[in-house]
Structures are given as C-alpha cells and as structure tokens.
Amino acid sequence: MADIAKALIEWLLWQSLYATVAAAVIFGLIGALRIRDPRWLMGLWAIVLLRFLLPTDFAMPWGIGSIWDQFGPAVLDQRADGGEIAASVPSVERLGVGGGPVASGSLAIFLTLIWAGGALGLFFIVLRQQLKTSRLLRRAAPAGQEVRDRLRHWQRKFDIDRPVHMVVGDAKLLPFTTGLLSPAIFMSRQHLETIGRDELDAVLVHELAHIRSWDVAWLYIERLVQLLFFFHPVAWWATRQLSQARERCCDIQAVNMSNIKATLYWESVLNLLQVPANSSPRLAIASSLGRPARSLRDRIDAVRFHSHPHTRSRLAVYAGIMGLSTFLLPMAPIAGRAAIPLPTAKNDLAQSKQSALRTANDRVLRAREILDRYNRGDFGDRVITRPNGEAICAPDSWPAGVTCKGVFSRKDIGQLVWEAEDSLVKAERTAALLANP
C-alpha cells in the first residue's frame, strides 16, 4: 500500500512539475509574441492540458527534457537506476520526516488519502451537474418542424454526418450542446418564443461549430485533468484559457462556414443574450453559447480580425503547434546525467547493488586466476584464494600473514577448478544482471 501511494504521489508531483514548466514556456511565448489568434491560443493551451496526462517517461531527442539534460543544470535530471528525482526536485522521500522509509511511506498514504478525498468530491460535483443536464434533456421536448428543418440545413452546410437532435425545455438556460457521438442542442422555450430566425440561425451555427470540432471530447479531457489535478492552479487556469479560445474559434468557424455577416451574427447573439437566462452548469460536460458578460469583446475582436484565414495561415498554425508539441511534450530526458544522490532507502538499495556488483566482479577475477594457474600448472606458492575470497593453503606451508580457511592437496585441485568454473558462470551472470537492472 505504501509503495502504491508513493508511486502515485511521485507521479502527481512529476506531472505537476512538467505541466508547470510547459505552462510557463507557453505563457511567456504568448506574451512575448503577442499571440491573439484563437487557433494558436487553443493549440498552445491544449499542449499544457495534454502534458498533464502523458507518461512521465515520454522522451524524444529534440524534446525539452533531452535538451535540458544535455545543456542545462542538473535540476530536472533523473537517475539512471530507475528514474529517481534529483535533489533539487521534491519527492516523497524528501517530504518524509527524517527521510526514513516508514515516515515517507506514512506521509505518502496520508497525502494519497487527501488527494482521493478531493478527487472524489469533485467527481461527485461533476456527476451531479451531468445528471442534472441529462435530466433536463429527458424532460425536454423535440423542437418543432421548422426548427428541425433549419438545423438540417445548417448541418448539411457544416458537413456533419452524426445525428444531431434539437430539444426545447422550460429551464431558463442559455443554449448548449452535450453528447459526443449523438449530440443534442438544448434551447429554452423562452428563447425560442422570443427570438427571430436570425437569432436562431446564430445559435445553430455556433453550436454546430462546437459539434464539428468535437469540443465535447476536449471537455472530457478538461474534466479528467481537473479531477486528477484539482490541487494545481495551472490545471484550472489552462482549462479556462482553453475554454475561452475554443469559444472564439467556434465564433470564427460559425461565421466562415455559414457565410453569415459578422455584424448580423453578433447582433443576433446580443439579442439572444438580452433575454434573462442562466448559463449551463459550469462543470457539466456541455458547451454553451457563453455568458453575457464574459469575454464578449474578445470574441467580437477575434471574429473581426481573424475570420476568413488563408490556407497558408492555417497550415502555419498547424505546423507551429505540431513543432511546439514535439518540443514541449517530451519532458523526460532520453539519457540523463548522473543526478545528485538522495539519502533515501532507494539510494541505499542502489549502493548495495553497486557493492554486490563489485563483489561479483572480484569473484570473476579470482575464478579466472585459478583457471589460468591450473592451465599453467602454477601452484608453487602453496596458497590459493577461492572465488569466495577464502585462502586455502598446503598442509606443510602456512605462509606468514595469511589466514587459511582450509588446506588442499594436488588431488583437490580438480575440485577447486570445478568450483572456479561454476563460480565464474554464476558471478558473470550476477554481474550482468546488476549492471543492467
């Protein structure tokens, strides 16, 4: 139990460290280059989110981990004997009282219980919100024929093959979309009875842009990161930035693919937002049209300055995001340098392995010496050291300064050579295992 808890806490620590580094690089990059294009912003913050979930040993020769390992100081290094954390990086052992295995194991279990409690608490909140959303959809009625016709028209325009449903309910909520393989668009009856055809088209093209981009799948990833790393501010900050960039991208896609004028689109959205309503549940896995006062100006500017992008511009964005992904996502070094040793139980185990390796190598040398002397017929000094390090002497010769553990005669040389050969095989096998753990 303690080993599992320590492995979990160390995984959380490493993932938190890696994601923090990625977020710092991306935040600096956005500020230095003044990046405002929503496609760039969405791709960059998606890198941070994915870094939370990728394996800790994910490495590439051109990744930041390998480059740092070659040229940077030994801060993020990992030991070659099992990927241990360097002295400047926090680990469970360094958090334990006195660094002992019992203290660190107890602390790891305690931290795991705290983490499990927080994750389960947030999971039940998300589950409650999702059940509430599902209940709204069950109680809602299918939209009228005219609305369904407009939905099919825009669905063909957006080239969406999945079945999309439009339902109308009594809850005073802003329109939202939920569902991955069979998405449903929810709209309140109050909105539907108040708005005109232009406002309805604005709602449909915006929600269909979410569906076409598979944004609900990203919402699942966001909720998973928030559940696992609820304690990390970067997890919440990155999901918020990604959500805002996603809304701007959907606005741009809605205007571009529907050929609706941007002014008419925003007039329709503003008219819709003037109808009193609440937003969809915040932690539910559903994409909403947005809150009335949240980043609306930024969304309008995004459509104004970044709509109708050139094909070359889109390819540059995709190539740039892929290049940054191959640099930022592989955080682990391929061949790390020797890190600063830690005074831990695992470090003591590594030292024991090194000692055993030296002993095995010594046995190999002694056994080979006996075999060489046997082949030469050289036993004139009357003292032989066994492969285990014990000295045996001839019965008529006890050299000064030598503690003999037994005697030998020439008829015992055959047995001695057999022991040497057997010891040589075992020692070489042991040395190979210890040298390549």
Protein backbone atom coordinates (compact mmCIF):
# COMPACT_ATOMS: atom_id res chain seq x y z
CA MET A 1 0.00 0.00 0.00
CA ALA A 2 2.80 2.40 0.88
CA ASP A 3 4.62 1.66 -2.37
CA ILE A 4 1.47 2.33 -4.42
CA ALA A 5 0.85 5.57 -2.52
CA LYS A 6 4.44 6.73 -3.04
CA ALA A 7 4.29 5.90 -6.75
CA LEU A 8 1.01 7.85 -7.11
CA ILE A 9 2.26 10.93 -5.25
CA GLU A 10 5.51 10.96 -7.19
CA TRP A 11 3.56 10.66 -10.46
CA LEU A 12 1.38 13.62 -9.45
CA LEU A 13 4.48 15.62 -8.47
CA TRP A 14 6.27 14.91 -11.73
CA GLN A 15 3.21 15.64 -13.88
CA SER A 16 2.58 18.87 -11.95
CA LEU A 17 6.19 19.92 -12.45
CA TYR A 18 6.17 19.12 -16.16
CA ALA A 19 2.84 20.91 -16.76
CA THR A 20 4.05 23.95 -14.82
CA VAL A 21 7.16 24.16 -16.99
CA ALA A 22 5.07 23.83 -20.17
CA ALA A 23 2.59 26.48 -18.95
CA ALA A 24 5.42 28.90 -18.08
CA VAL A 25 7.00 28.50 -21.52
CA ILE A 26 3.67 28.94 -23.32
CA PHE A 27 2.64 31.93 -21.18
CA GLY A 28 5.98 33.60 -21.92
CA LEU A 29 5.64 32.78 -25.60
CA ILE A 30 2.13 34.27 -25.80
CA GLY A 31 3.26 37.43 -24.03
CA ALA A 32 6.50 37.85 -25.99
CA LEU A 33 4.92 37.30 -29.42
CA ARG A 34 1.58 38.97 -28.51
CA ILE A 35 -0.36 35.99 -29.82
CA ARG A 36 -4.07 36.79 -30.21
CA ASP A 37 -5.15 34.31 -32.87
CA PRO A 38 -7.64 31.94 -31.15
CA ARG A 39 -6.38 28.95 -33.14
CA TRP A 40 -2.86 29.47 -31.80
CA LEU A 41 -4.17 30.02 -28.27
CA MET A 42 -6.30 26.90 -28.35
CA GLY A 43 -3.43 24.76 -29.63
CA LEU A 44 -0.95 26.16 -27.09
CA TRP A 45 -3.17 25.62 -24.06
CA ALA A 46 -4.13 22.18 -25.35
CA ILE A 47 -0.41 21.30 -25.11
CA VAL A 48 -0.46 22.16 -21.39
CA LEU A 49 -3.56 20.04 -20.86
CA LEU A 50 -2.07 17.04 -22.67
CA ARG A 51 1.17 17.37 -20.70
CA PHE A 52 -0.81 16.59 -17.54
CA LEU A 53 -1.82 13.19 -18.95
CA LEU A 54 1.15 11.97 -20.99
CA PRO A 55 3.54 9.42 -19.45
CA THR A 56 6.31 10.89 -17.30
CA ASP A 57 8.96 8.98 -19.30
CA PHE A 58 7.78 10.34 -22.67
CA ALA A 59 11.03 11.43 -24.35
CA MET A 60 12.33 12.48 -27.77
CA PRO A 61 15.83 13.52 -28.86
CA TRP A 62 14.60 17.04 -29.70
CA GLY A 63 12.32 17.37 -26.66
CA ILE A 64 12.89 19.93 -23.94
CA GLY A 65 13.82 17.20 -21.45
CA SER A 66 16.65 15.83 -23.57
CA ILE A 67 17.91 19.31 -24.49
CA TRP A 68 17.90 20.35 -20.84
CA ASP A 69 19.62 17.13 -19.90
CA GLN A 70 22.45 17.90 -22.31
CA PHE A 71 22.96 21.62 -21.71
CA GLY A 72 21.07 22.69 -18.57
CA PRO A 73 21.97 22.39 -14.87
CA ALA A 74 21.11 19.20 -13.01
CA VAL A 75 17.68 20.28 -11.81
CA LEU A 76 15.33 18.07 -13.81
CA ASP A 77 17.73 15.13 -14.12
CA GLN A 78 16.69 11.58 -13.39
CA ARG A 79 18.95 8.84 -12.11
CA ALA A 80 19.88 6.05 -14.45
CA ASP A 81 18.98 3.37 -11.90
CA GLY A 82 15.23 3.84 -12.08
CA GLY A 83 14.36 7.43 -12.86
CA GLU A 84 14.64 8.88 -9.36
CA ILE A 85 14.23 12.56 -8.67
CA ALA A 86 17.26 14.81 -8.29
CA ALA A 87 17.95 16.56 -5.02
CA SER A 88 16.53 19.88 -6.15
CA VAL A 89 13.18 18.32 -7.13
CA PRO A 90 10.62 17.46 -4.41
CA SER A 91 9.91 13.79 -3.85
CA VAL A 92 8.07 11.70 -1.29
CA GLU A 93 11.31 10.73 0.42
CA ARG A 94 12.36 14.36 0.79
CA LEU A 95 8.97 15.16 2.31
CA GLY A 96 9.24 12.37 4.92
CA VAL A 97 10.31 13.10 8.49
CA GLY A 98 13.95 12.16 8.70
CA GLY A 99 13.82 10.67 5.21
CA GLY A 100 13.12 7.17 6.56
CA PRO A 101 11.03 4.67 4.63
CA VAL A 102 8.40 4.35 7.37
CA ALA A 103 7.96 8.11 7.68
CA SER A 104 7.85 8.70 3.93
CA GLY A 105 5.51 5.75 3.42
CA SER A 106 3.13 7.03 6.09
CA LEU A 107 3.22 10.52 4.62
CA ALA A 108 2.58 9.13 1.13
CA ILE A 109 -0.50 7.26 2.36
CA PHE A 110 -1.73 10.41 4.15
CA LEU A 111 -1.25 12.55 1.02
CA THR A 112 -2.95 9.90 -1.13
CA LEU A 113 -5.99 9.89 1.15
CA ILE A 114 -6.22 13.69 0.94
CA TRP A 115 -5.90 13.55 -2.85
CA ALA A 116 -8.51 10.79 -3.12
CA GLY A 117 -10.94 12.76 -0.98
CA GLY A 118 -10.59 15.88 -3.10
CA ALA A 119 -10.82 13.98 -6.39
CA LEU A 120 -13.90 12.05 -5.28
CA GLY A 121 -15.55 15.22 -4.01
CA LEU A 122 -15.04 16.97 -7.34
CA PHE A 123 -16.11 13.83 -9.21
CA PHE A 124 -19.47 13.80 -7.41
CA ILE A 125 -19.95 17.51 -8.19
CA VAL A 126 -19.31 16.87 -11.90
CA LEU A 127 -21.54 13.79 -11.80
CA ARG A 128 -24.33 15.77 -10.12
CA GLN A 129 -24.13 18.51 -12.75
CA GLN A 130 -24.07 15.97 -15.57
CA LEU A 131 -27.07 14.10 -14.17
CA LYS A 132 -28.88 17.41 -13.90
CA THR A 133 -28.09 18.12 -17.55
CA SER A 134 -29.27 14.64 -18.58
CA ARG A 135 -32.49 15.16 -16.64
CA LEU A 136 -33.08 18.44 -18.49
CA LEU A 137 -32.68 16.67 -21.82
CA ARG A 138 -35.08 13.87 -20.83
CA ARG A 139 -37.74 16.34 -19.78
CA ALA A 140 -37.30 18.47 -22.89
CA ALA A 141 -39.44 18.02 -25.97
CA PRO A 142 -38.21 17.78 -29.58
CA ALA A 143 -38.12 21.08 -31.42
CA GLY A 144 -40.77 21.93 -33.97
CA GLN A 145 -40.55 21.01 -37.61
CA GLU A 146 -39.44 24.47 -38.73
CA VAL A 147 -36.55 24.49 -36.23
CA ARG A 148 -35.55 20.96 -37.23
CA ASP A 149 -35.53 22.00 -40.89
CA ARG A 150 -33.19 24.90 -40.12
CA LEU A 151 -30.99 22.51 -38.13
CA ARG A 152 -30.78 20.04 -41.05
CA HIS A 153 -29.98 22.88 -43.42
CA TRP A 154 -27.03 24.08 -41.35
CA GLN A 155 -25.96 20.53 -40.56
CA ARG A 156 -25.51 19.85 -44.28
CA LYS A 157 -23.68 23.15 -44.61
CA PHE A 158 -21.24 22.16 -41.86
CA ASP A 159 -20.85 18.64 -43.32
CA ILE A 160 -21.77 16.85 -40.07
CA ASP A 161 -22.77 13.20 -40.54
CA ARG A 162 -23.55 12.42 -36.89
CA PRO A 163 -27.20 12.59 -35.82
CA VAL A 164 -27.87 15.93 -34.11
CA HIS A 165 -31.02 16.49 -32.05
CA MET A 166 -32.65 19.77 -31.07
CA VAL A 167 -34.72 19.82 -27.89
CA VAL A 168 -36.67 22.56 -26.15
CA GLY A 169 -37.18 22.79 -22.38
CA ASP A 170 -38.69 25.06 -19.75
CA ALA A 171 -35.40 25.72 -17.92
CA LYS A 172 -34.16 29.28 -18.41
CA LEU A 173 -30.69 28.41 -19.64
CA LEU A 174 -28.55 29.66 -22.48
CA PRO A 175 -28.37 27.24 -25.43
CA PHE A 176 -25.79 24.49 -25.00
CA THR A 177 -24.65 21.28 -26.68
CA THR A 178 -23.88 17.98 -24.98
CA GLY A 179 -23.17 14.46 -26.16
CA LEU A 180 -20.25 13.15 -28.19
CA LEU A 181 -21.48 10.57 -30.73
CA SER A 182 -25.11 11.67 -30.76
CA PRO A 183 -25.04 15.35 -29.72
CA ALA A 184 -28.10 17.28 -28.62
CA ILE A 185 -28.67 21.03 -28.68
CA PHE A 186 -30.77 22.37 -25.82
CA MET A 187 -32.69 25.63 -26.09
CA SER A 188 -35.11 27.13 -23.63
CA ARG A 189 -38.71 27.62 -24.66
CA GLN A 190 -38.48 31.24 -23.56
CA HIS A 191 -35.64 31.90 -26.01
CA LEU A 192 -37.32 30.07 -28.86
CA GLU A 193 -40.54 32.05 -28.45
CA THR A 194 -38.72 35.39 -28.18
CA ILE A 195 -36.02 35.34 -30.86
CA GLY A 196 -36.40 35.52 -34.62
CA ARG A 197 -34.95 33.49 -37.44
CA ASP A 198 -31.61 35.33 -37.48
CA GLU A 199 -31.05 34.68 -33.78
CA LEU A 200 -32.00 31.02 -34.24
CA ASP A 201 -29.50 30.68 -37.09
CA ALA A 202 -26.79 32.26 -34.93
CA VAL A 203 -27.47 29.71 -32.18
CA LEU A 204 -27.49 26.77 -34.58
CA VAL A 205 -24.29 27.66 -36.44
CA HIS A 206 -22.44 28.30 -33.17
CA GLU A 207 -23.48 25.00 -31.60
CA LEU A 208 -22.84 23.11 -34.84
CA ALA A 209 -19.33 24.59 -34.87
CA HIS A 210 -18.83 23.02 -31.43
CA ILE A 211 -20.10 19.70 -32.75
CA ARG A 212 -17.97 19.81 -35.89
CA SER A 213 -14.83 20.50 -33.83
CA TRP A 214 -15.56 17.67 -31.36
CA ASP A 215 -15.33 20.14 -28.50
CA VAL A 216 -17.21 17.84 -26.14
CA ALA A 217 -14.26 15.42 -26.38
CA TRP A 218 -11.98 18.21 -25.20
CA LEU A 219 -14.41 18.85 -22.36
CA TYR A 220 -13.96 15.25 -21.22
CA ILE A 221 -10.19 15.76 -21.21
CA GLU A 222 -10.57 19.02 -19.28
CA ARG A 223 -12.73 17.41 -16.61
CA LEU A 224 -10.29 14.50 -16.28
CA VAL A 225 -7.38 16.90 -15.73
CA GLN A 226 -9.40 18.89 -13.21
CA LEU A 227 -10.31 15.72 -11.32
CA LEU A 228 -6.75 14.38 -11.15
CA PHE A 229 -5.03 17.72 -10.54
CA PHE A 230 -7.71 19.67 -8.69
CA PHE A 231 -4.99 20.97 -6.35
CA HIS A 232 -2.94 22.53 -9.16
CA PRO A 233 -3.80 26.12 -10.23
CA VAL A 234 -2.33 25.51 -13.69
CA ALA A 235 -4.95 22.81 -14.35
CA TRP A 236 -7.79 25.27 -13.77
CA TRP A 237 -6.06 28.18 -15.46
CA ALA A 238 -5.23 26.18 -18.59
CA THR A 239 -8.78 24.81 -18.90
CA ARG A 240 -10.19 28.32 -18.55
CA GLN A 241 -7.86 29.71 -21.23
CA LEU A 242 -8.66 26.77 -23.50
CA SER A 243 -12.40 27.28 -23.00
CA GLN A 244 -12.19 30.96 -23.94
CA ALA A 245 -10.08 30.21 -27.01
CA ARG A 246 -12.50 27.46 -28.03
CA GLU A 247 -15.47 29.85 -27.93
CA ARG A 248 -13.61 32.33 -30.14
CA CYS A 249 -12.69 29.57 -32.60
CA CYS A 250 -16.32 28.49 -32.79
CA ASP A 251 -17.44 32.05 -33.46
CA ILE A 252 -14.93 32.30 -36.31
CA GLN A 253 -15.93 28.92 -37.72
CA ALA A 254 -19.63 29.77 -37.45
CA VAL A 255 -19.18 32.98 -39.43
CA ASN A 256 -16.83 31.47 -42.02
CA MET A 257 -18.85 28.33 -42.80
CA SER A 258 -22.32 29.86 -42.66
CA ASN A 259 -21.41 32.96 -44.72
CA ILE A 260 -23.44 35.00 -42.26
CA LYS A 261 -22.13 38.54 -41.95
CA ALA A 262 -20.21 39.09 -38.73
CA THR A 263 -22.34 42.14 -37.84
CA LEU A 264 -25.56 40.18 -38.26
CA TYR A 265 -24.14 37.25 -36.31
CA TRP A 266 -23.21 39.41 -33.32
CA GLU A 267 -26.43 41.39 -33.44
CA SER A 268 -28.29 38.08 -33.22
CA VAL A 269 -26.11 36.84 -30.36
CA LEU A 270 -26.52 40.10 -28.41
CA ASN A 271 -30.30 39.99 -28.92
CA LEU A 272 -30.31 36.43 -27.63
CA LEU A 273 -28.22 37.32 -24.58
CA GLN A 274 -30.61 40.11 -23.64
CA VAL A 275 -33.24 37.51 -22.74
CA PRO A 276 -32.83 36.71 -18.99
CA ALA A 277 -31.28 33.28 -18.57
CA ASN A 278 -28.65 31.38 -16.64
CA SER A 279 -25.60 29.73 -18.15
CA SER A 280 -25.36 25.95 -18.37
CA PRO A 281 -23.90 24.17 -15.32
CA ARG A 282 -20.21 25.11 -15.16
CA LEU A 283 -18.75 21.66 -14.59
CA ALA A 284 -21.19 19.78 -16.80
CA ILE A 285 -19.74 18.26 -19.97
CA ALA A 286 -21.59 20.64 -22.25
CA SER A 287 -20.51 23.56 -24.45
CA SER A 288 -22.60 26.68 -24.02
CA LEU A 289 -23.06 29.76 -26.15
CA GLY A 290 -21.36 31.71 -23.36
CA ARG A 291 -22.16 34.07 -20.54
CA PRO A 292 -23.39 37.58 -21.44
CA ALA A 293 -20.51 39.50 -19.85
CA ARG A 294 -17.68 37.00 -20.26
CA SER A 295 -15.02 37.85 -22.86
CA LEU A 296 -17.66 39.02 -25.30
CA ARG A 297 -15.49 41.88 -26.53
CA ASP A 298 -12.58 39.49 -27.12
CA ARG A 299 -14.85 37.17 -29.07
CA ILE A 300 -16.08 40.02 -31.26
CA ASP A 301 -12.50 41.15 -31.91
CA ALA A 302 -11.49 37.56 -32.76
CA VAL A 303 -14.15 37.34 -35.46
CA ARG A 304 -13.27 40.82 -36.67
CA PHE A 305 -9.53 40.26 -37.06
CA HIS A 306 -9.13 36.51 -37.58
CA SER A 307 -12.06 35.37 -39.72
CA HIS A 308 -11.54 34.06 -43.26
CA PRO A 309 -7.92 32.95 -42.73
CA HIS A 310 -5.80 31.97 -45.72
CA THR A 311 -4.93 28.32 -46.27
CA ARG A 312 -1.25 29.15 -45.82
CA SER A 313 -2.03 30.77 -42.49
CA ARG A 314 -3.92 27.69 -41.28
CA LEU A 315 -1.07 25.40 -42.33
CA ALA A 316 1.39 27.63 -40.47
CA VAL A 317 -0.71 27.32 -37.31
CA TYR A 318 -0.91 23.53 -37.57
CA ALA A 319 2.81 23.21 -38.30
CA GLY A 320 3.69 25.54 -35.44
CA ILE A 321 1.53 23.68 -32.93
CA MET A 322 2.96 20.33 -34.01
CA GLY A 323 6.51 21.66 -33.71
CA LEU A 324 5.92 23.07 -30.25
CA SER A 325 4.23 19.83 -29.20
CA THR A 326 7.27 17.75 -30.15
CA PHE A 327 9.43 20.18 -28.16
CA LEU A 328 7.33 20.74 -25.02
CA LEU A 329 5.51 17.44 -24.51
CA PRO A 330 8.56 15.12 -24.22
CA MET A 331 9.81 16.31 -20.81
CA ALA A 332 11.82 13.24 -19.84
CA PRO A 333 15.49 13.03 -20.89
CA ILE A 334 16.50 10.11 -23.09
CA ALA A 335 19.86 9.63 -21.44
CA GLY A 336 20.02 11.60 -18.24
CA ARG A 337 23.23 12.59 -16.48
CA ALA A 338 24.00 11.32 -13.03
CA ALA A 339 21.87 13.33 -10.67
CA ILE A 340 22.64 14.46 -7.15
CA PRO A 341 22.22 11.37 -4.93
CA LEU A 342 19.43 11.38 -2.40
CA PRO A 343 19.79 9.95 1.10
CA THR A 344 16.86 7.59 0.71
CA ALA A 345 16.11 3.93 1.06
CA LYS A 346 16.09 3.53 -2.73
CA ASN A 347 19.50 5.21 -2.95
CA ASP A 348 20.82 2.79 -0.29
CA LEU A 349 19.48 -0.07 -2.41
CA ALA A 350 21.36 1.30 -5.41
CA GLN A 351 24.56 1.47 -3.37
CA SER A 352 24.02 -2.13 -2.25
CA LYS A 353 23.68 -3.17 -5.89
CA GLN A 354 26.94 -1.43 -6.71
CA SER A 355 28.68 -3.20 -3.83
CA ALA A 356 27.29 -6.57 -4.94
CA LEU A 357 28.44 -5.81 -8.48
CA ARG A 358 31.97 -5.16 -7.28
CA THR A 359 31.92 -8.41 -5.27
CA ALA A 360 30.72 -10.38 -8.27
CA ASN A 361 33.42 -8.84 -10.45
CA ASP A 362 36.05 -9.76 -7.84
CA ARG A 363 34.83 -13.36 -7.88
CA VAL A 364 35.10 -13.39 -11.66
CA LEU A 365 38.72 -12.23 -11.45
CA ARG A 366 39.64 -14.79 -8.76
CA ALA A 367 37.99 -17.65 -10.61
CA ARG A 368 39.78 -16.72 -13.82
CA GLU A 369 43.06 -16.54 -11.92
CA ILE A 370 42.60 -20.10 -10.59
CA LEU A 371 41.77 -21.38 -14.08
CA ASP A 372 44.79 -19.62 -15.57
CA ARG A 373 47.10 -21.05 -12.90
CA TYR A 374 45.66 -24.53 -13.42
CA ASN A 375 46.28 -24.27 -17.16
CA ARG A 376 49.87 -23.18 -16.47
CA GLY A 377 50.37 -25.77 -13.68
CA ASP A 378 51.44 -22.96 -11.39
CA PHE A 379 50.61 -23.71 -7.73
CA GLY A 380 54.11 -23.21 -6.42
CA ASP A 381 53.28 -20.60 -3.82
CA ARG A 382 51.15 -23.19 -1.98
CA VAL A 383 48.38 -20.59 -1.39
CA ILE A 384 45.19 -20.36 -3.40
CA THR A 385 42.35 -17.90 -2.93
CA ARG A 386 38.94 -19.42 -3.56
CA PRO A 387 36.40 -17.47 -5.66
CA ASN A 388 34.57 -16.57 -2.45
CA GLY A 389 37.71 -14.85 -1.14
CA GLU A 390 38.82 -17.55 1.33
CA ALA A 391 42.51 -18.56 1.30
CA ILE A 392 43.46 -22.24 1.41
CA CYS A 393 47.00 -23.45 1.93
CA ALA A 394 49.05 -26.60 1.54
CA PRO A 395 49.24 -28.66 4.78
CA ASP A 396 53.02 -28.17 5.02
CA SER A 397 53.02 -24.47 4.25
CA TRP A 398 51.24 -21.80 6.24
CA PRO A 399 52.65 -18.50 4.97
CA ALA A 400 53.05 -15.70 7.48
CA GLY A 401 50.26 -13.10 7.43
CA VAL A 402 47.79 -15.42 5.68
CA THR A 403 44.69 -16.70 7.49
CA CYS A 404 43.98 -20.05 5.90
CA LYS A 405 40.43 -21.34 5.94
CA GLY A 406 41.43 -24.84 4.88
CA VAL A 407 44.12 -26.99 3.28
CA PHE A 408 44.48 -28.52 -0.12
CA SER A 409 46.48 -31.17 -1.83
CA ARG A 410 47.09 -31.70 -5.51
CA LYS A 411 44.28 -34.24 -5.73
CA ASP A 412 41.88 -31.46 -4.65
CA ILE A 413 42.91 -29.21 -7.49
CA GLY A 414 40.28 -30.78 -9.81
CA GLN A 415 37.52 -29.97 -7.30
CA LEU A 416 38.94 -26.49 -6.88
CA VAL A 417 38.93 -25.88 -10.63
CA TRP A 418 35.33 -27.12 -10.87
CA GLU A 419 34.34 -24.67 -8.12
CA ALA A 420 36.15 -21.89 -10.00
CA GLU A 421 34.32 -22.67 -13.25
CA ASP A 422 30.94 -22.81 -11.50
CA SER A 423 31.68 -19.59 -9.62
CA LEU A 424 32.79 -17.90 -12.83
CA VAL A 425 29.47 -18.66 -14.57
CA LYS A 426 27.37 -17.54 -11.60
CA ALA A 427 29.44 -14.43 -10.95
CA GLU A 428 29.35 -13.34 -14.59
CA ARG A 429 25.58 -13.83 -14.68
CA THR A 430 25.17 -11.85 -11.45
CA ALA A 431 27.41 -9.06 -12.70
CA ALA A 432 25.42 -8.82 -15.95
CA LEU A 433 22.09 -8.60 -14.07
CA LEU A 434 23.39 -5.96 -11.69
CA ALA A 435 24.99 -3.93 -14.46
CA ASN A 436 21.69 -3.88 -16.44
CA PRO A 437 18.82 -3.58 -13.94
